[in-house]
C-alpha atoms as a PDB file:
ATOM      1  CA  MET A   1      -4.577 -16.746  -4.868  1.00  0.00           C
ATOM      2  CA  GLY A   2      -7.872 -15.453  -3.552  1.00  0.00           C
ATOM      3  CA  VAL A   3     -11.588 -16.066  -4.036  1.00  0.00           C
ATOM      4  CA  VAL A   4     -14.305 -13.454  -4.545  1.00  0.00           C
ATOM      5  CA  LEU A   5     -17.884 -14.616  -4.046  1.00  0.00           C
ATOM      6  CA  LEU A   6     -20.276 -12.265  -5.823  1.00  0.00           C
ATOM      7  CA  ALA A   7     -23.594 -12.160  -3.949  1.00  0.00           C
ATOM      8  CA  ALA A   8     -24.767  -8.553  -4.077  1.00  0.00           C
ATOM      9  CA  GLY A   9     -27.878  -8.894  -6.253  1.00  0.00           C
ATOM     10  CA  GLY A  10     -31.394  -8.012  -5.211  1.00  0.00           C
ATOM     11  CA  SER A  11     -33.148 -11.158  -6.515  1.00  0.00           C
ATOM     12  CA  SER A  12     -35.958  -9.035  -7.978  1.00  0.00           C
ATOM     13  CA  ARG A  13     -37.382 -11.825 -10.139  1.00  0.00           C
ATOM     14  CA  LEU A  14     -37.409 -14.279  -7.248  1.00  0.00           C
ATOM     15  CA  GLY A  15     -39.094 -11.905  -4.815  1.00  0.00           C
ATOM     16  CA  HIS A  16     -36.843 -12.669  -1.845  1.00  0.00           C
ATOM     17  CA  PRO A  17     -33.075 -13.018  -1.379  1.00  0.00           C
ATOM     18  CA  LYS A  18     -31.805 -15.976  -3.391  1.00  0.00           C
ATOM     19  CA  GLN A  19     -28.739 -15.980  -1.178  1.00  0.00           C
ATOM     20  CA  LEU A  20     -30.908 -17.311   1.650  1.00  0.00           C
ATOM     21  CA  VAL A  21     -32.618 -20.070  -0.321  1.00  0.00           C
ATOM     22  CA  VAL A  22     -31.913 -23.412   1.363  1.00  0.00           C
ATOM     23  CA  HIS A  23     -30.510 -26.170  -0.840  1.00  0.00           C
ATOM     24  CA  GLU A  24     -29.271 -29.486   0.501  1.00  0.00           C
ATOM     25  CA  GLY A  25     -29.684 -28.240   4.047  1.00  0.00           C
ATOM     26  CA  LYS A  26     -27.780 -24.955   3.711  1.00  0.00           C
ATOM     27  CA  THR A  27     -28.442 -21.493   2.380  1.00  0.00           C
ATOM     28  CA  LEU A  28     -26.915 -20.859  -1.020  1.00  0.00           C
ATOM     29  CA  ILE A  29     -24.590 -18.174   0.366  1.00  0.00           C
ATOM     30  CA  ARG A  30     -23.321 -20.450   3.139  1.00  0.00           C
ATOM     31  CA  ARG A  31     -22.878 -23.354   0.742  1.00  0.00           C
ATOM     32  CA  ALA A  32     -20.853 -21.278  -1.709  1.00  0.00           C
ATOM     33  CA  ALA A  33     -18.743 -19.660   1.011  1.00  0.00           C
ATOM     34  CA  GLU A  34     -17.845 -23.012   2.536  1.00  0.00           C
ATOM     35  CA  ALA A  35     -16.861 -24.357  -0.891  1.00  0.00           C
ATOM     36  CA  ALA A  36     -14.604 -21.337  -1.407  1.00  0.00           C
ATOM     37  CA  LEU A  37     -13.008 -21.731   2.009  1.00  0.00           C
ATOM     38  CA  SER A  38     -12.413 -25.436   1.438  1.00  0.00           C
ATOM     39  CA  LEU A  39      -9.762 -24.544  -1.137  1.00  0.00           C
ATOM     40  CA  GLY A  40      -7.530 -23.137   1.589  1.00  0.00           C
ATOM     41  CA  GLU A  41      -5.814 -21.055  -1.068  1.00  0.00           C
ATOM     42  CA  GLY A  42      -5.935 -17.548   0.363  1.00  0.00           C
ATOM     43  CA  PRO A  43      -8.400 -14.838   1.332  1.00  0.00           C
ATOM     44  CA  VAL A  44     -12.103 -15.282   0.623  1.00  0.00           C
ATOM     45  CA  LEU A  45     -14.079 -12.085   0.060  1.00  0.00           C
ATOM     46  CA  VAL A  46     -17.870 -11.964  -0.212  1.00  0.00           C
ATOM     47  CA  VAL A  47     -19.382  -8.960  -1.986  1.00  0.00           C
ATOM     48  CA  LEU A  48     -22.829  -8.106  -0.599  1.00  0.00           C
ATOM     49  CA  GLY A  49     -25.273  -5.394  -1.549  1.00  0.00           C
ATOM     50  CA  ALA A  50     -29.030  -5.910  -1.219  1.00  0.00           C
ATOM     51  CA  HIS A  51     -30.166  -7.323   2.145  1.00  0.00           C
ATOM     52  CA  ARG A  52     -26.545  -7.120   3.253  1.00  0.00           C
ATOM     53  CA  ASP A  53     -26.977  -7.445   7.003  1.00  0.00           C
ATOM     54  CA  THR A  54     -29.415 -10.347   6.792  1.00  0.00           C
ATOM     55  CA  ILE A  55     -27.207 -12.282   4.386  1.00  0.00           C
ATOM     56  CA  ALA A  56     -24.021 -11.471   6.305  1.00  0.00           C
ATOM     57  CA  SER A  57     -25.551 -13.072   9.401  1.00  0.00           C
ATOM     58  CA  GLU A  58     -25.207 -16.419   7.596  1.00  0.00           C
ATOM     59  CA  LEU A  59     -21.445 -15.958   7.456  1.00  0.00           C
ATOM     60  CA  VAL A  60     -20.472 -14.507  10.833  1.00  0.00           C
ATOM     61  CA  ASP A  61     -18.623 -17.613  12.036  1.00  0.00           C
ATOM     62  CA  LEU A  62     -16.637 -18.151   8.834  1.00  0.00           C
ATOM     63  CA  PRO A  63     -13.063 -16.903   8.286  1.00  0.00           C
ATOM     64  CA  LEU A  64     -13.846 -14.582   5.407  1.00  0.00           C
ATOM     65  CA  ARG A  65     -14.315 -10.886   4.778  1.00  0.00           C
ATOM     66  CA  VAL A  66     -17.582  -9.235   3.749  1.00  0.00           C
ATOM     67  CA  ILE A  67     -17.284  -6.319   1.328  1.00  0.00           C
ATOM     68  CA  ALA A  68     -20.183  -3.863   1.073  1.00  0.00           C
ATOM     69  CA  HIS A  69     -21.145  -2.765  -2.427  1.00  0.00           C
ATOM     70  CA  PRO A  70     -23.709   0.058  -2.147  1.00  0.00           C
ATOM     71  CA  ASP A  71     -24.062   0.472  -5.932  1.00  0.00           C
ATOM     72  CA  TRP A  72     -24.967  -3.191  -6.508  1.00  0.00           C
ATOM     73  CA  ALA A  73     -28.093  -2.296  -8.500  1.00  0.00           C
ATOM     74  CA  LEU A  74     -26.006  -0.837 -11.352  1.00  0.00           C
ATOM     75  CA  GLY A  75     -24.935  -4.277 -12.550  1.00  0.00           C
ATOM     76  CA  PRO A  76     -22.649  -7.273 -12.038  1.00  0.00           C
ATOM     77  CA  GLY A  77     -19.463  -5.593 -13.225  1.00  0.00           C
ATOM     78  CA  GLY A  78     -19.502  -3.263 -10.262  1.00  0.00           C
ATOM     79  CA  SER A  79     -19.607  -6.166  -7.829  1.00  0.00           C
ATOM     80  CA  LEU A  80     -16.679  -7.794  -9.585  1.00  0.00           C
ATOM     81  CA  THR A  81     -14.516  -4.683  -9.607  1.00  0.00           C
ATOM     82  CA  THR A  82     -15.446  -3.947  -5.989  1.00  0.00           C
ATOM     83  CA  GLY A  83     -14.272  -7.388  -4.947  1.00  0.00           C
ATOM     84  CA  LEU A  84     -11.067  -7.169  -6.961  1.00  0.00           C
ATOM     85  CA  SER A  85     -10.293  -3.691  -5.620  1.00  0.00           C
ATOM     86  CA  ALA A  86     -10.767  -4.893  -2.062  1.00  0.00           C
ATOM     87  CA  MET A  87      -8.419  -7.807  -2.701  1.00  0.00           C
ATOM     88  CA  LEU A  88      -5.738  -5.500  -4.103  1.00  0.00           C
ATOM     89  CA  ALA A  89      -6.248  -2.921  -1.349  1.00  0.00           C
ATOM     90  CA  ALA A  90      -5.547  -5.627   1.219  1.00  0.00           C
ATOM     91  CA  GLU A  91      -2.179  -6.165  -0.458  1.00  0.00           C
ATOM     92  CA  GLN A  92      -1.380  -2.489  -0.004  1.00  0.00           C
ATOM     93  CA  ALA A  93      -2.212  -2.890   3.678  1.00  0.00           C
ATOM     94  CA  GLY A  94       0.322  -5.688   4.025  1.00  0.00           C
ATOM     95  CA  ALA A  95      -1.575  -8.827   3.028  1.00  0.00           C
ATOM     96  CA  PRO A  96       0.274 -11.282   0.753  1.00  0.00           C
ATOM     97  CA  ASP A  97       0.057 -10.598  -2.967  1.00  0.00           C
ATOM     98  CA  VAL A  98      -2.460 -12.643  -4.902  1.00  0.00           C
ATOM     99  CA  ASP A  99      -1.364 -14.055  -8.244  1.00  0.00           C
ATOM    100  CA  ALA A 100      -4.897 -14.973  -9.311  1.00  0.00           C
ATOM    101  CA  VAL A 101      -8.511 -14.503  -8.246  1.00  0.00           C
ATOM    102  CA  LEU A 102     -11.334 -16.994  -8.629  1.00  0.00           C
ATOM    103  CA  PHE A 103     -14.750 -15.361  -9.058  1.00  0.00           C
ATOM    104  CA  MET A 104     -17.895 -17.319  -8.252  1.00  0.00           C
ATOM    105  CA  LEU A 105     -21.619 -16.827  -7.663  1.00  0.00           C
ATOM    106  CA  CYS A 106     -23.750 -18.283  -4.914  1.00  0.00           C
ATOM    107  CA  ASP A 107     -26.682 -19.555  -6.975  1.00  0.00           C
ATOM    108  CA  GLN A 108     -24.995 -21.972  -9.382  1.00  0.00           C
ATOM    109  CA  VAL A 109     -26.161 -25.082  -7.582  1.00  0.00           C
ATOM    110  CA  ARG A 110     -23.960 -27.486  -9.569  1.00  0.00           C
ATOM    111  CA  VAL A 111     -20.759 -25.831  -8.365  1.00  0.00           C
ATOM    112  CA  THR A 112     -18.986 -27.934  -5.776  1.00  0.00           C
ATOM    113  CA  ALA A 113     -15.753 -27.658  -3.861  1.00  0.00           C
ATOM    114  CA  SER A 114     -14.249 -30.255  -6.196  1.00  0.00           C
ATOM    115  CA  HIS A 115     -15.107 -28.138  -9.248  1.00  0.00           C
ATOM    116  CA  LEU A 116     -13.421 -25.119  -7.700  1.00  0.00           C
ATOM    117  CA  ARG A 117     -10.389 -27.264  -6.939  1.00  0.00           C
ATOM    118  CA  ALA A 118     -10.311 -28.433 -10.563  1.00  0.00           C
ATOM    119  CA  LEU A 119     -10.226 -24.812 -11.728  1.00  0.00           C
ATOM    120  CA  VAL A 120      -7.260 -24.050  -9.475  1.00  0.00           C
ATOM    121  CA  ASP A 121      -5.422 -27.224 -10.394  1.00  0.00           C
ATOM    122  CA  THR A 122      -5.949 -26.558 -14.107  1.00  0.00           C
ATOM    123  CA  TRP A 123      -4.536 -23.075 -13.706  1.00  0.00           C
ATOM    124  CA  ARG A 124      -1.501 -24.443 -11.923  1.00  0.00           C
ATOM    125  CA  THR A 125      -0.820 -27.172 -14.465  1.00  0.00           C
ATOM    126  CA  THR A 126      -1.526 -25.194 -17.667  1.00  0.00           C
ATOM    127  CA  GLY A 127      -0.413 -21.698 -16.714  1.00  0.00           C
ATOM    128  CA  ALA A 128      -3.426 -20.353 -18.641  1.00  0.00           C
ATOM    129  CA  PRO A 129      -4.242 -16.706 -17.881  1.00  0.00           C
ATOM    130  CA  ILE A 130      -7.927 -17.628 -17.550  1.00  0.00           C
ATOM    131  CA  VAL A 131      -9.558 -20.873 -16.466  1.00  0.00           C
ATOM    132  CA  ALA A 132     -13.313 -20.853 -16.990  1.00  0.00           C
ATOM    133  CA  SER A 133     -16.188 -23.243 -16.439  1.00  0.00           C
ATOM    134  CA  GLY A 134     -17.674 -24.688 -19.605  1.00  0.00           C
ATOM    135  CA  TYR A 135     -21.431 -25.260 -19.897  1.00  0.00           C
ATOM    136  CA  GLU A 136     -24.260 -24.819 -22.395  1.00  0.00           C
ATOM    137  CA  GLY A 137     -21.843 -24.117 -25.227  1.00  0.00           C
ATOM    138  CA  THR A 138     -20.166 -21.173 -23.534  1.00  0.00           C
ATOM    139  CA  HIS A 139     -17.582 -20.252 -20.907  1.00  0.00           C
ATOM    140  CA  GLY A 140     -18.410 -18.506 -17.675  1.00  0.00           C
ATOM    141  CA  VAL A 141     -18.024 -18.379 -13.939  1.00  0.00           C
ATOM    142  CA  PRO A 142     -16.778 -19.797 -11.734  1.00  0.00           C
ATOM    143  CA  ALA A 143     -13.655 -18.589 -13.461  1.00  0.00           C
ATOM    144  CA  LEU A 144     -10.106 -17.930 -12.370  1.00  0.00           C
ATOM    145  CA  PHE A 145      -8.142 -14.954 -13.688  1.00  0.00           C
ATOM    146  CA  SER A 146      -4.390 -14.586 -13.318  1.00  0.00           C
ATOM    147  CA  ARG A 147      -2.902 -11.264 -12.311  1.00  0.00           C
ATOM    148  CA  ALA A 148      -2.049 -10.427 -15.929  1.00  0.00           C
ATOM    149  CA  VAL A 149      -5.774 -10.137 -16.638  1.00  0.00           C
ATOM    150  CA  PHE A 150      -6.606  -7.893 -13.660  1.00  0.00           C
ATOM    151  CA  PRO A 151      -6.408  -4.644 -15.690  1.00  0.00           C
ATOM    152  CA  GLU A 152      -9.117  -5.926 -18.035  1.00  0.00           C
ATOM    153  CA  LEU A 153     -11.337  -6.789 -15.087  1.00  0.00           C
ATOM    154  CA  GLU A 154     -10.737  -3.403 -13.482  1.00  0.00           C
ATOM    155  CA  ALA A 155     -11.828  -1.729 -16.724  1.00  0.00           C
ATOM    156  CA  LEU A 156     -15.268  -3.375 -16.723  1.00  0.00           C
ATOM    157  CA  SER A 157     -18.265  -1.072 -16.524  1.00  0.00           C
ATOM    158  CA  ALA A 158     -20.981  -1.733 -13.962  1.00  0.00           C
ATOM    159  CA  SER A 159     -23.229  -3.361 -16.564  1.00  0.00           C
ATOM    160  CA  GLN A 160     -20.592  -5.778 -17.845  1.00  0.00           C
ATOM    161  CA  GLY A 161     -19.763  -9.182 -16.435  1.00  0.00           C
ATOM    162  CA  ALA A 162     -16.669 -11.329 -16.668  1.00  0.00           C
ATOM    163  CA  ARG A 163     -17.919 -13.257 -19.695  1.00  0.00           C
ATOM    164  CA  GLY A 164     -16.743 -10.585 -22.114  1.00  0.00           C
ATOM    165  CA  VAL A 165     -13.192 -10.793 -20.758  1.00  0.00           C
ATOM    166  CA  ILE A 166     -13.278 -14.576 -21.046  1.00  0.00           C
ATOM    167  CA  ALA A 167     -14.482 -14.427 -24.656  1.00  0.00           C
ATOM    168  CA  ARG A 168     -12.067 -11.707 -25.767  1.00  0.00           C
ATOM    169  CA  GLU A 169      -9.195 -14.040 -26.583  1.00  0.00           C
ATOM    170  CA  PRO A 170     -10.237 -17.714 -26.532  1.00  0.00           C
ATOM    171  CA  THR A 171      -6.697 -19.020 -26.986  1.00  0.00           C
ATOM    172  CA  ARG A 172      -5.745 -17.920 -23.478  1.00  0.00           C
ATOM    173  CA  VAL A 173      -8.652 -19.752 -21.815  1.00  0.00           C
ATOM    174  CA  ALA A 174      -8.492 -23.242 -20.330  1.00  0.00           C
ATOM    175  CA  THR A 175     -11.831 -24.909 -19.709  1.00  0.00           C
ATOM    176  CA  VAL A 176     -13.133 -27.143 -16.943  1.00  0.00           C
ATOM    177  CA  PRO A 177     -16.506 -28.708 -17.831  1.00  0.00           C
ATOM    178  CA  LEU A 178     -19.352 -27.970 -15.433  1.00  0.00           C
ATOM    179  CA  PRO A 179     -22.403 -30.096 -16.284  1.00  0.00           C
ATOM    180  CA  GLY A 180     -25.550 -28.169 -15.390  1.00  0.00           C
ATOM    181  CA  GLY A 181     -23.587 -24.965 -14.884  1.00  0.00           C
ATOM    182  CA  GLY A 182     -26.401 -22.908 -16.308  1.00  0.00           C
ATOM    183  CA  GLU A 183     -28.800 -23.997 -13.587  1.00  0.00           C
ATOM    184  CA  ASP A 184     -29.222 -21.101 -11.205  1.00  0.00           C
ATOM    185  CA  VAL A 185     -31.917 -19.545  -9.040  1.00  0.00           C
ATOM    186  CA  ASP A 186     -33.695 -16.594 -10.635  1.00  0.00           C
ATOM    187  CA  MET A 187     -37.405 -17.441 -10.616  1.00  0.00           C
ATOM    188  CA  PRO A 188     -39.781 -19.161  -8.178  1.00  0.00           C
ATOM    189  CA  SER A 189     -39.991 -22.064 -10.656  1.00  0.00           C
ATOM    190  CA  ASP A 190     -36.270 -22.623 -10.158  1.00  0.00           C
ATOM    191  CA  LEU A 191     -36.944 -23.405  -6.500  1.00  0.00           C
ATOM    192  CA  ASP A 192     -39.442 -26.083  -7.519  1.00  0.00           C
ATOM    193  CA  ARG A 193     -36.826 -27.603  -9.807  1.00  0.00           C
ATOM    194  CA  LEU A 194     -34.276 -27.668  -6.981  1.00  0.00           C
ATOM    195  CA  ASP A 195     -36.709 -29.269  -4.542  1.00  0.00           C
ATOM    196  CA  PRO A 196     -39.896 -30.696  -6.094  1.00  0.00           C
ATOM    197  CA  ARG A 197     -41.175 -31.511  -2.588  1.00  0.00           C
ATOM    198  CA  ARG A 198     -41.096 -27.877  -1.515  1.00  0.00           C
ATOM    199  CA  PRO A 199     -44.573 -26.671  -0.419  1.00  0.00           C
ATOM    200  CA  VAL A 200     -46.059 -24.096  -2.764  1.00  0.00           C
END
């Protein structure tokens, strides 16, 4: 099993890289990467696009691999397929095969290492092809996809995200509740919500 952390976006609505926003003493990208690594389940790939070098400097001492995605501005689906392709290409180069990939974002502040572990454990105990996080009446990322679903992910266009694949056939999806899963960092007001004491 492997983990792909999708962090290529340009944070246009925020005005500066959300990946570098500090929450609970760490940047969002560092916090998410450490949670992914804590699983100890296999390779961790981080897909970067905008501000790549600056963001990558937050990760230099971590045992993960940064994947450059130059076409990040075309949409989230491109980041996802770039990460999956890199994971599968590593297999061709001799890395162990992955039987599932967990996709996650860096700005979902309610995601913890224990939630990621619950996704993996649910996949192992249920055998479900997809294990998704449940919040705000829907299913989304972080989500784990077994190898049987990889062709559907590879077929995504740049403008599509994983949610469409999750929703395609609900009977194959196991759910792990994620209270507050919809809380992310898109606007300056979101920073105030994360830390009301932050100077304006």
